[in-house]
Amino acid sequence: GCKTSEPDGSEQLDRAYGPGWSAVH
């Protein structure tokens, strides 16, 4: 699964995009 918020309230980044042309634009 995706990375989620840590107990201390900090925020984990999750670069979810696939390589290349993965989104409509």
mmCIF file of all heavy atoms, coordinates in Angstrom:
data_MODEL
# 
_entry.id   MODEL 
# 
loop_
_atom_site.group_PDB 
_atom_site.id 
_atom_site.type_symbol 
_atom_site.label_atom_id 
_atom_site.label_alt_id 
_atom_site.label_comp_id 
_atom_site.label_asym_id 
_atom_site.label_entity_id 
_atom_site.label_seq_id 
_atom_site.pdbx_PDB_ins_code 
_atom_site.Cartn_x 
_atom_site.Cartn_y 
_atom_site.Cartn_z 
_atom_site.occupancy 
_atom_site.B_iso_or_equiv 
_atom_site.pdbx_formal_charge 
_atom_site.auth_seq_id 
_atom_site.auth_comp_id 
_atom_site.auth_asym_id 
_atom_site.auth_atom_id 
_atom_site.pdbx_PDB_model_num 
ATOM 1   N N   . GLY A 1 1  ? 0.792  -1.221 0.000   1.00 0.00 ? 1  GLY A N   1 
ATOM 2   C CA  . GLY A 1 1  ? 0.000  0.000  0.000   1.00 0.00 ? 1  GLY A CA  1 
ATOM 3   C C   . GLY A 1 1  ? 0.824  1.271  0.000   1.00 0.00 ? 1  GLY A C   1 
ATOM 4   O O   . GLY A 1 1  ? 2.044  1.264  0.103   1.00 0.00 ? 1  GLY A O   1 
ATOM 5   N N   . CYS A 1 2  ? 0.104  2.388  -0.128  1.00 0.00 ? 2  CYS A N   1 
ATOM 6   C CA  . CYS A 1 2  ? 0.748  3.690  -0.145  1.00 0.00 ? 2  CYS A CA  1 
ATOM 7   C C   . CYS A 1 2  ? 1.373  3.998  1.212   1.00 0.00 ? 2  CYS A C   1 
ATOM 8   O O   . CYS A 1 2  ? 0.923  3.517  2.240   1.00 0.00 ? 2  CYS A O   1 
ATOM 9   C CB  . CYS A 1 2  ? -0.284 4.774  -0.457  1.00 0.00 ? 2  CYS A CB  1 
ATOM 10  S SG  . CYS A 1 2  ? -1.175 4.526  -1.978  1.00 0.00 ? 2  CYS A SG  1 
ATOM 11  N N   . LYS A 1 3  ? 2.385  4.854  1.189   1.00 0.00 ? 3  LYS A N   1 
ATOM 12  C CA  . LYS A 1 3  ? 2.920  5.364  2.444   1.00 0.00 ? 3  LYS A CA  1 
ATOM 13  C C   . LYS A 1 3  ? 1.896  6.321  3.039   1.00 0.00 ? 3  LYS A C   1 
ATOM 14  O O   . LYS A 1 3  ? 1.247  7.078  2.338   1.00 0.00 ? 3  LYS A O   1 
ATOM 15  C CB  . LYS A 1 3  ? 4.230  6.084  2.184   1.00 0.00 ? 3  LYS A CB  1 
ATOM 16  C CG  . LYS A 1 3  ? 5.300  5.161  1.601   1.00 0.00 ? 3  LYS A CG  1 
ATOM 17  C CD  . LYS A 1 3  ? 6.525  5.946  1.205   1.00 0.00 ? 3  LYS A CD  1 
ATOM 18  C CE  . LYS A 1 3  ? 7.554  5.065  0.518   1.00 0.00 ? 3  LYS A CE  1 
ATOM 19  N NZ  . LYS A 1 3  ? 8.722  5.823  0.071   1.00 0.00 ? 3  LYS A NZ  1 
ATOM 20  N N   . THR A 1 4  ? 1.770  6.328  4.330   1.00 0.00 ? 4  THR A N   1 
ATOM 21  C CA  . THR A 1 4  ? 0.766  7.153  4.986   1.00 0.00 ? 4  THR A CA  1 
ATOM 22  C C   . THR A 1 4  ? 1.421  8.077  5.995   1.00 0.00 ? 4  THR A C   1 
ATOM 23  O O   . THR A 1 4  ? 2.629  8.048  6.208   1.00 0.00 ? 4  THR A O   1 
ATOM 24  C CB  . THR A 1 4  ? -0.261 6.266  5.697   1.00 0.00 ? 4  THR A CB  1 
ATOM 25  O OG1 . THR A 1 4  ? 0.403  5.406  6.630   1.00 0.00 ? 4  THR A OG1 1 
ATOM 26  C CG2 . THR A 1 4  ? -1.003 5.400  4.688   1.00 0.00 ? 4  THR A CG2 1 
ATOM 27  N N   . SER A 1 5  ? 0.591  8.889  6.632   1.00 0.00 ? 5  SER A N   1 
ATOM 28  C CA  . SER A 1 5  ? 1.107  9.817  7.633   1.00 0.00 ? 5  SER A CA  1 
ATOM 29  C C   . SER A 1 5  ? 1.722  9.066  8.806   1.00 0.00 ? 5  SER A C   1 
ATOM 30  O O   . SER A 1 5  ? 1.232  8.027  9.235   1.00 0.00 ? 5  SER A O   1 
ATOM 31  C CB  . SER A 1 5  ? -0.030 10.715 8.123   1.00 0.00 ? 5  SER A CB  1 
ATOM 32  O OG  . SER A 1 5  ? -0.545 11.468 7.062   1.00 0.00 ? 5  SER A OG  1 
ATOM 33  N N   . GLU A 1 6  ? 2.791  9.614  9.334   1.00 0.00 ? 6  GLU A N   1 
ATOM 34  C CA  . GLU A 1 6  ? 3.470  9.035  10.484  1.00 0.00 ? 6  GLU A CA  1 
ATOM 35  C C   . GLU A 1 6  ? 2.754  9.437  11.771  1.00 0.00 ? 6  GLU A C   1 
ATOM 36  O O   . GLU A 1 6  ? 2.027  10.427 11.811  1.00 0.00 ? 6  GLU A O   1 
ATOM 37  C CB  . GLU A 1 6  ? 4.921  9.530  10.523  1.00 0.00 ? 6  GLU A CB  1 
ATOM 38  C CG  . GLU A 1 6  ? 5.739  9.070  9.306   1.00 0.00 ? 6  GLU A CG  1 
ATOM 39  C CD  . GLU A 1 6  ? 5.912  7.569  9.274   1.00 0.00 ? 6  GLU A CD  1 
ATOM 40  O OE1 . GLU A 1 6  ? 6.696  7.043  10.075  1.00 0.00 ? 6  GLU A OE1 1 
ATOM 41  O OE2 . GLU A 1 6  ? 5.241  6.920  8.460   1.00 0.00 ? 6  GLU A OE2 1 
ATOM 42  N N   . PRO A 1 7  ? 2.962  8.697  12.860  1.00 0.00 ? 7  PRO A N   1 
ATOM 43  C CA  . PRO A 1 7  ? 2.280  9.025  14.128  1.00 0.00 ? 7  PRO A CA  1 
ATOM 44  C C   . PRO A 1 7  ? 2.564  10.429 14.631  1.00 0.00 ? 7  PRO A C   1 
ATOM 45  O O   . PRO A 1 7  ? 1.738  11.025 15.310  1.00 0.00 ? 7  PRO A O   1 
ATOM 46  C CB  . PRO A 1 7  ? 2.827  7.954  15.087  1.00 0.00 ? 7  PRO A CB  1 
ATOM 47  C CG  . PRO A 1 7  ? 3.205  6.811  14.199  1.00 0.00 ? 7  PRO A CG  1 
ATOM 48  C CD  . PRO A 1 7  ? 3.722  7.439  12.943  1.00 0.00 ? 7  PRO A CD  1 
ATOM 49  N N   . ASP A 1 8  ? 3.738  10.982 14.301  1.00 0.00 ? 8  ASP A N   1 
ATOM 50  C CA  . ASP A 1 8  ? 4.061  12.309 14.804  1.00 0.00 ? 8  ASP A CA  1 
ATOM 51  C C   . ASP A 1 8  ? 3.443  13.424 13.960  1.00 0.00 ? 8  ASP A C   1 
ATOM 52  O O   . ASP A 1 8  ? 3.676  14.604 14.212  1.00 0.00 ? 8  ASP A O   1 
ATOM 53  C CB  . ASP A 1 8  ? 5.577  12.491 14.890  1.00 0.00 ? 8  ASP A CB  1 
ATOM 54  C CG  . ASP A 1 8  ? 6.255  12.415 13.525  1.00 0.00 ? 8  ASP A CG  1 
ATOM 55  O OD1 . ASP A 1 8  ? 5.546  12.218 12.510  1.00 0.00 ? 8  ASP A OD1 1 
ATOM 56  O OD2 . ASP A 1 8  ? 7.490  12.555 13.472  1.00 0.00 ? 8  ASP A OD2 1 
ATOM 57  N N   . GLY A 1 9  ? 2.663  13.058 12.948  1.00 0.00 ? 9  GLY A N   1 
ATOM 58  C CA  . GLY A 1 9  ? 2.002  14.065 12.130  1.00 0.00 ? 9  GLY A CA  1 
ATOM 59  C C   . GLY A 1 9  ? 2.785  14.497 10.917  1.00 0.00 ? 9  GLY A C   1 
ATOM 60  O O   . GLY A 1 9  ? 2.306  15.310 10.134  1.00 0.00 ? 9  GLY A O   1 
ATOM 61  N N   . SER A 1 10 ? 4.010  14.007 10.728  1.00 0.00 ? 10 SER A N   1 
ATOM 62  C CA  . SER A 1 10 ? 4.760  14.340 9.528   1.00 0.00 ? 10 SER A CA  1 
ATOM 63  C C   . SER A 1 10 ? 4.140  13.627 8.335   1.00 0.00 ? 10 SER A C   1 
ATOM 64  O O   . SER A 1 10 ? 3.282  12.765 8.481   1.00 0.00 ? 10 SER A O   1 
ATOM 65  C CB  . SER A 1 10 ? 6.229  13.942 9.684   1.00 0.00 ? 10 SER A CB  1 
ATOM 66  O OG  . SER A 1 10 ? 6.352  12.545 9.859   1.00 0.00 ? 10 SER A OG  1 
ATOM 67  N N   . GLU A 1 11 ? 4.591  13.974 7.145   1.00 0.00 ? 11 GLU A N   1 
ATOM 68  C CA  . GLU A 1 11 ? 3.945  13.480 5.943   1.00 0.00 ? 11 GLU A CA  1 
ATOM 69  C C   . GLU A 1 11 ? 4.957  12.760 5.051   1.00 0.00 ? 11 GLU A C   1 
ATOM 70  O O   . GLU A 1 11 ? 6.001  13.301 4.723   1.00 0.00 ? 11 GLU A O   1 
ATOM 71  C CB  . GLU A 1 11 ? 3.330  14.657 5.185   1.00 0.00 ? 11 GLU A CB  1 
ATOM 72  C CG  . GLU A 1 11 ? 2.229  14.281 4.229   1.00 0.00 ? 11 GLU A CG  1 
ATOM 73  C CD  . GLU A 1 11 ? 1.448  15.515 3.808   1.00 0.00 ? 11 GLU A CD  1 
ATOM 74  O OE1 . GLU A 1 11 ? 2.081  16.558 3.571   1.00 0.00 ? 11 GLU A OE1 1 
ATOM 75  O OE2 . GLU A 1 11 ? 0.233  15.438 3.731   1.00 0.00 ? 11 GLU A OE2 1 
ATOM 76  N N   . GLN A 1 12 ? 4.636  11.522 4.702   1.00 0.00 ? 12 GLN A N   1 
ATOM 77  C CA  . GLN A 1 12 ? 5.485  10.750 3.818   1.00 0.00 ? 12 GLN A CA  1 
ATOM 78  C C   . GLN A 1 12 ? 5.075  10.978 2.370   1.00 0.00 ? 12 GLN A C   1 
ATOM 79  O O   . GLN A 1 12 ? 3.889  10.969 2.039   1.00 0.00 ? 12 GLN A O   1 
ATOM 80  C CB  . GLN A 1 12 ? 5.363  9.251  4.139   1.00 0.00 ? 12 GLN A CB  1 
ATOM 81  C CG  . GLN A 1 12 ? 5.941  8.862  5.478   1.00 0.00 ? 12 GLN A CG  1 
ATOM 82  C CD  . GLN A 1 12 ? 7.385  8.400  5.361   1.00 0.00 ? 12 GLN A CD  1 
ATOM 83  O OE1 . GLN A 1 12 ? 7.851  8.071  4.290   1.00 0.00 ? 12 GLN A OE1 1 
ATOM 84  N NE2 . GLN A 1 12 ? 8.076  8.388  6.472   1.00 0.00 ? 12 GLN A NE2 1 
ATOM 85  N N   . LEU A 1 13 ? 6.058  11.186 1.497   1.00 0.00 ? 13 LEU A N   1 
ATOM 86  C CA  . LEU A 1 13 ? 5.772  11.347 0.082   1.00 0.00 ? 13 LEU A CA  1 
ATOM 87  C C   . LEU A 1 13 ? 5.720  9.984  -0.587  1.00 0.00 ? 13 LEU A C   1 
ATOM 88  O O   . LEU A 1 13 ? 6.428  9.055  -0.206  1.00 0.00 ? 13 LEU A O   1 
ATOM 89  C CB  . LEU A 1 13 ? 6.846  12.204 -0.581  1.00 0.00 ? 13 LEU A CB  1 
ATOM 90  C CG  . LEU A 1 13 ? 7.003  13.635 -0.056  1.00 0.00 ? 13 LEU A CG  1 
ATOM 91  C CD1 . LEU A 1 13 ? 8.057  14.372 -0.858  1.00 0.00 ? 13 LEU A CD1 1 
ATOM 92  C CD2 . LEU A 1 13 ? 5.687  14.386 -0.082  1.00 0.00 ? 13 LEU A CD2 1 
ATOM 93  N N   . ASP A 1 14 ? 4.876  9.860  -1.589  1.00 0.00 ? 14 ASP A N   1 
ATOM 94  C CA  . ASP A 1 14 ? 4.752  8.621  -2.346  1.00 0.00 ? 14 ASP A CA  1 
ATOM 95  C C   . ASP A 1 14 ? 4.607  9.001  -3.816  1.00 0.00 ? 14 ASP A C   1 
ATOM 96  O O   . ASP A 1 14 ? 3.541  9.407  -4.250  1.00 0.00 ? 14 ASP A O   1 
ATOM 97  C CB  . ASP A 1 14 ? 3.539  7.816  -1.871  1.00 0.00 ? 14 ASP A CB  1 
ATOM 98  C CG  . ASP A 1 14 ? 3.401  6.477  -2.599  1.00 0.00 ? 14 ASP A CG  1 
ATOM 99  O OD1 . ASP A 1 14 ? 4.278  6.156  -3.414  1.00 0.00 ? 14 ASP A OD1 1 
ATOM 100 O OD2 . ASP A 1 14 ? 2.416  5.780  -2.345  1.00 0.00 ? 14 ASP A OD2 1 
ATOM 101 N N   . ARG A 1 15 ? 5.700  8.897  -4.547  1.00 0.00 ? 15 ARG A N   1 
ATOM 102 C CA  . ARG A 1 15 ? 5.675  9.250  -5.967  1.00 0.00 ? 15 ARG A CA  1 
ATOM 103 C C   . ARG A 1 15 ? 5.013  8.112  -6.727  1.00 0.00 ? 15 ARG A C   1 
ATOM 104 O O   . ARG A 1 15 ? 5.652  7.165  -7.160  1.00 0.00 ? 15 ARG A O   1 
ATOM 105 C CB  . ARG A 1 15 ? 7.087  9.490  -6.487  1.00 0.00 ? 15 ARG A CB  1 
ATOM 106 C CG  . ARG A 1 15 ? 7.878  10.515 -5.696  1.00 0.00 ? 15 ARG A CG  1 
ATOM 107 C CD  . ARG A 1 15 ? 7.183  11.865 -5.604  1.00 0.00 ? 15 ARG A CD  1 
ATOM 108 N NE  . ARG A 1 15 ? 8.073  12.902 -5.106  1.00 0.00 ? 15 ARG A NE  1 
ATOM 109 C CZ  . ARG A 1 15 ? 7.691  14.091 -4.703  1.00 0.00 ? 15 ARG A CZ  1 
ATOM 110 N NH1 . ARG A 1 15 ? 6.411  14.401 -4.723  1.00 0.00 ? 15 ARG A NH1 1 
ATOM 111 N NH2 . ARG A 1 15 ? 8.557  14.984 -4.272  1.00 0.00 ? 15 ARG A NH2 1 
ATOM 112 N N   . ALA A 1 16 ? 3.709  8.206  -6.879  1.00 0.00 ? 16 ALA A N   1 
ATOM 113 C CA  . ALA A 1 16 ? 2.918  7.077  -7.356  1.00 0.00 ? 16 ALA A CA  1 
ATOM 114 C C   . ALA A 1 16 ? 2.952  6.893  -8.870  1.00 0.00 ? 16 ALA A C   1 
ATOM 115 O O   . ALA A 1 16 ? 2.601  5.829  -9.372  1.00 0.00 ? 16 ALA A O   1 
ATOM 116 C CB  . ALA A 1 16 ? 1.468  7.238  -6.903  1.00 0.00 ? 16 ALA A CB  1 
ATOM 117 N N   . TYR A 1 17 ? 3.353  7.909  -9.607  1.00 0.00 ? 17 TYR A N   1 
ATOM 118 C CA  . TYR A 1 17 ? 3.246  7.848  -11.065 1.00 0.00 ? 17 TYR A CA  1 
ATOM 119 C C   . TYR A 1 17 ? 4.157  6.802  -11.673 1.00 0.00 ? 17 TYR A C   1 
ATOM 120 O O   . TYR A 1 17 ? 5.307  6.629  -11.254 1.00 0.00 ? 17 TYR A O   1 
ATOM 121 C CB  . TYR A 1 17 ? 3.566  9.214  -11.683 1.00 0.00 ? 17 TYR A CB  1 
ATOM 122 C CG  . TYR A 1 17 ? 2.486  10.230 -11.434 1.00 0.00 ? 17 TYR A CG  1 
ATOM 123 C CD1 . TYR A 1 17 ? 2.476  10.978 -10.254 1.00 0.00 ? 17 TYR A CD1 1 
ATOM 124 C CD2 . TYR A 1 17 ? 1.456  10.426 -12.345 1.00 0.00 ? 17 TYR A CD2 1 
ATOM 125 C CE1 . TYR A 1 17 ? 1.473  11.897 -9.999  1.00 0.00 ? 17 TYR A CE1 1 
ATOM 126 C CE2 . TYR A 1 17 ? 0.456  11.348 -12.097 1.00 0.00 ? 17 TYR A CE2 1 
ATOM 127 C CZ  . TYR A 1 17 ? 0.464  12.077 -10.930 1.00 0.00 ? 17 TYR A CZ  1 
ATOM 128 O OH  . TYR A 1 17 ? -0.538 12.979 -10.672 1.00 0.00 ? 17 TYR A OH  1 
ATOM 129 N N   . GLY A 1 18 ? 3.632  6.118  -12.674 1.00 0.00 ? 18 GLY A N   1 
ATOM 130 C CA  . GLY A 1 18 ? 4.437  5.186  -13.434 1.00 0.00 ? 18 GLY A CA  1 
ATOM 131 C C   . GLY A 1 18 ? 5.430  5.935  -14.307 1.00 0.00 ? 18 GLY A C   1 
ATOM 132 O O   . GLY A 1 18 ? 5.318  7.144  -14.521 1.00 0.00 ? 18 GLY A O   1 
ATOM 133 N N   . PRO A 1 19 ? 6.420  5.221  -14.843 1.00 0.00 ? 19 PRO A N   1 
ATOM 134 C CA  . PRO A 1 19 ? 7.389  5.871  -15.727 1.00 0.00 ? 19 PRO A CA  1 
ATOM 135 C C   . PRO A 1 19 ? 6.751  6.237  -17.053 1.00 0.00 ? 19 PRO A C   1 
ATOM 136 O O   . PRO A 1 19 ? 5.797  5.600  -17.505 1.00 0.00 ? 19 PRO A O   1 
ATOM 137 C CB  . PRO A 1 19 ? 8.462  4.787  -15.913 1.00 0.00 ? 19 PRO A CB  1 
ATOM 138 C CG  . PRO A 1 19 ? 7.722  3.499  -15.724 1.00 0.00 ? 19 PRO A CG  1 
ATOM 139 C CD  . PRO A 1 19 ? 6.676  3.780  -14.680 1.00 0.00 ? 19 PRO A CD  1 
ATOM 140 N N   . GLY A 1 20 ? 7.252  7.294  -17.678 1.00 0.00 ? 20 GLY A N   1 
ATOM 141 C CA  . GLY A 1 20 ? 6.746  7.654  -18.993 1.00 0.00 ? 20 GLY A CA  1 
ATOM 142 C C   . GLY A 1 20 ? 5.432  8.406  -18.937 1.00 0.00 ? 20 GLY A C   1 
ATOM 143 O O   . GLY A 1 20 ? 5.094  9.078  -17.957 1.00 0.00 ? 20 GLY A O   1 
ATOM 144 N N   . TRP A 1 21 ? 4.640  8.272  -20.011 1.00 0.00 ? 21 TRP A N   1 
ATOM 145 C CA  . TRP A 1 21 ? 3.393  9.027  -20.171 1.00 0.00 ? 21 TRP A CA  1 
ATOM 146 C C   . TRP A 1 21 ? 2.289  8.318  -19.412 1.00 0.00 ? 21 TRP A C   1 
ATOM 147 O O   . TRP A 1 21 ? 1.448  7.645  -19.974 1.00 0.00 ? 21 TRP A O   1 
ATOM 148 C CB  . TRP A 1 21 ? 3.045  9.144  -21.648 1.00 0.00 ? 21 TRP A CB  1 
ATOM 149 C CG  . TRP A 1 21 ? 2.162  10.308 -21.984 1.00 0.00 ? 21 TRP A CG  1 
ATOM 150 C CD1 . TRP A 1 21 ? 0.829  10.398 -21.744 1.00 0.00 ? 21 TRP A CD1 1 
ATOM 151 C CD2 . TRP A 1 21 ? 2.546  11.526 -22.617 1.00 0.00 ? 21 TRP A CD2 1 
ATOM 152 N NE1 . TRP A 1 21 ? 0.345  11.611 -22.184 1.00 0.00 ? 21 TRP A NE1 1 
ATOM 153 C CE2 . TRP A 1 21 ? 1.368  12.330 -22.726 1.00 0.00 ? 21 TRP A CE2 1 
ATOM 154 C CE3 . TRP A 1 21 ? 3.747  12.044 -23.094 1.00 0.00 ? 21 TRP A CE3 1 
ATOM 155 C CZ2 . TRP A 1 21 ? 1.388  13.596 -23.312 1.00 0.00 ? 21 TRP A CZ2 1 
ATOM 156 C CZ3 . TRP A 1 21 ? 3.756  13.300 -23.665 1.00 0.00 ? 21 TRP A CZ3 1 
ATOM 157 C CH2 . TRP A 1 21 ? 2.596  14.063 -23.777 1.00 0.00 ? 21 TRP A CH2 1 
ATOM 158 N N   . SER A 1 22 ? 2.230  8.523  -18.094 1.00 0.00 ? 22 SER A N   1 
ATOM 159 C CA  . SER A 1 22 ? 1.327  7.758  -17.235 1.00 0.00 ? 22 SER A CA  1 
ATOM 160 C C   . SER A 1 22 ? 0.031  8.474  -16.906 1.00 0.00 ? 22 SER A C   1 
ATOM 161 O O   . SER A 1 22 ? -0.871 7.885  -16.322 1.00 0.00 ? 22 SER A O   1 
ATOM 162 C CB  . SER A 1 22 ? 2.037  7.387  -15.927 1.00 0.00 ? 22 SER A CB  1 
ATOM 163 O OG  . SER A 1 22 ? 2.478  8.555  -15.254 1.00 0.00 ? 22 SER A OG  1 
ATOM 164 N N   . ALA A 1 23 ? -0.089 9.746  -17.269 1.00 0.00 ? 23 ALA A N   1 
ATOM 165 C CA  . ALA A 1 23 ? -1.291 10.530 -16.997 1.00 0.00 ? 23 ALA A CA  1 
ATOM 166 C C   . ALA A 1 23 ? -1.796 11.157 -18.292 1.00 0.00 ? 23 ALA A C   1 
ATOM 167 O O   . ALA A 1 23 ? -1.069 11.213 -19.290 1.00 0.00 ? 23 ALA A O   1 
ATOM 168 C CB  . ALA A 1 23 ? -0.996 11.617 -15.960 1.00 0.00 ? 23 ALA A CB  1 
ATOM 169 N N   . VAL A 1 24 ? -3.018 11.639 -18.272 1.00 0.00 ? 24 VAL A N   1 
ATOM 170 C CA  . VAL A 1 24 ? -3.644 12.113 -19.503 1.00 0.00 ? 24 VAL A CA  1 
ATOM 171 C C   . VAL A 1 24 ? -2.819 13.189 -20.193 1.00 0.00 ? 24 VAL A C   1 
ATOM 172 O O   . VAL A 1 24 ? -2.711 13.208 -21.427 1.00 0.00 ? 24 VAL A O   1 
ATOM 173 C CB  . VAL A 1 24 ? -5.083 12.610 -19.227 1.00 0.00 ? 24 VAL A CB  1 
ATOM 174 C CG1 . VAL A 1 24 ? -5.101 13.771 -18.236 1.00 0.00 ? 24 VAL A CG1 1 
ATOM 175 C CG2 . VAL A 1 24 ? -5.791 12.989 -20.514 1.00 0.00 ? 24 VAL A CG2 1 
ATOM 176 N N   . HIS A 1 25 ? -2.210 14.090 -19.432 1.00 0.00 ? 25 HIS A N   1 
ATOM 177 C CA  . HIS A 1 25 ? -1.361 15.130 -20.011 1.00 0.00 ? 25 HIS A CA  1 
ATOM 178 C C   . HIS A 1 25 ? 0.096  14.919 -19.619 1.00 0.00 ? 25 HIS A C   1 
ATOM 179 O O   . HIS A 1 25 ? 0.824  15.865 -19.323 1.00 0.00 ? 25 HIS A O   1 
ATOM 180 C CB  . HIS A 1 25 ? -1.855 16.514 -19.582 1.00 0.00 ? 25 HIS A CB  1 
ATOM 181 C CG  . HIS A 1 25 ? -3.216 16.865 -20.107 1.00 0.00 ? 25 HIS A CG  1 
ATOM 182 N ND1 . HIS A 1 25 ? -3.495 16.971 -21.453 1.00 0.00 ? 25 HIS A ND1 1 
ATOM 183 C CD2 . HIS A 1 25 ? -4.404 17.103 -19.471 1.00 0.00 ? 25 HIS A CD2 1 
ATOM 184 C CE1 . HIS A 1 25 ? -4.771 17.270 -21.632 1.00 0.00 ? 25 HIS A CE1 1 
ATOM 185 N NE2 . HIS A 1 25 ? -5.340 17.349 -20.442 1.00 0.00 ? 25 HIS A NE2 1 
# 
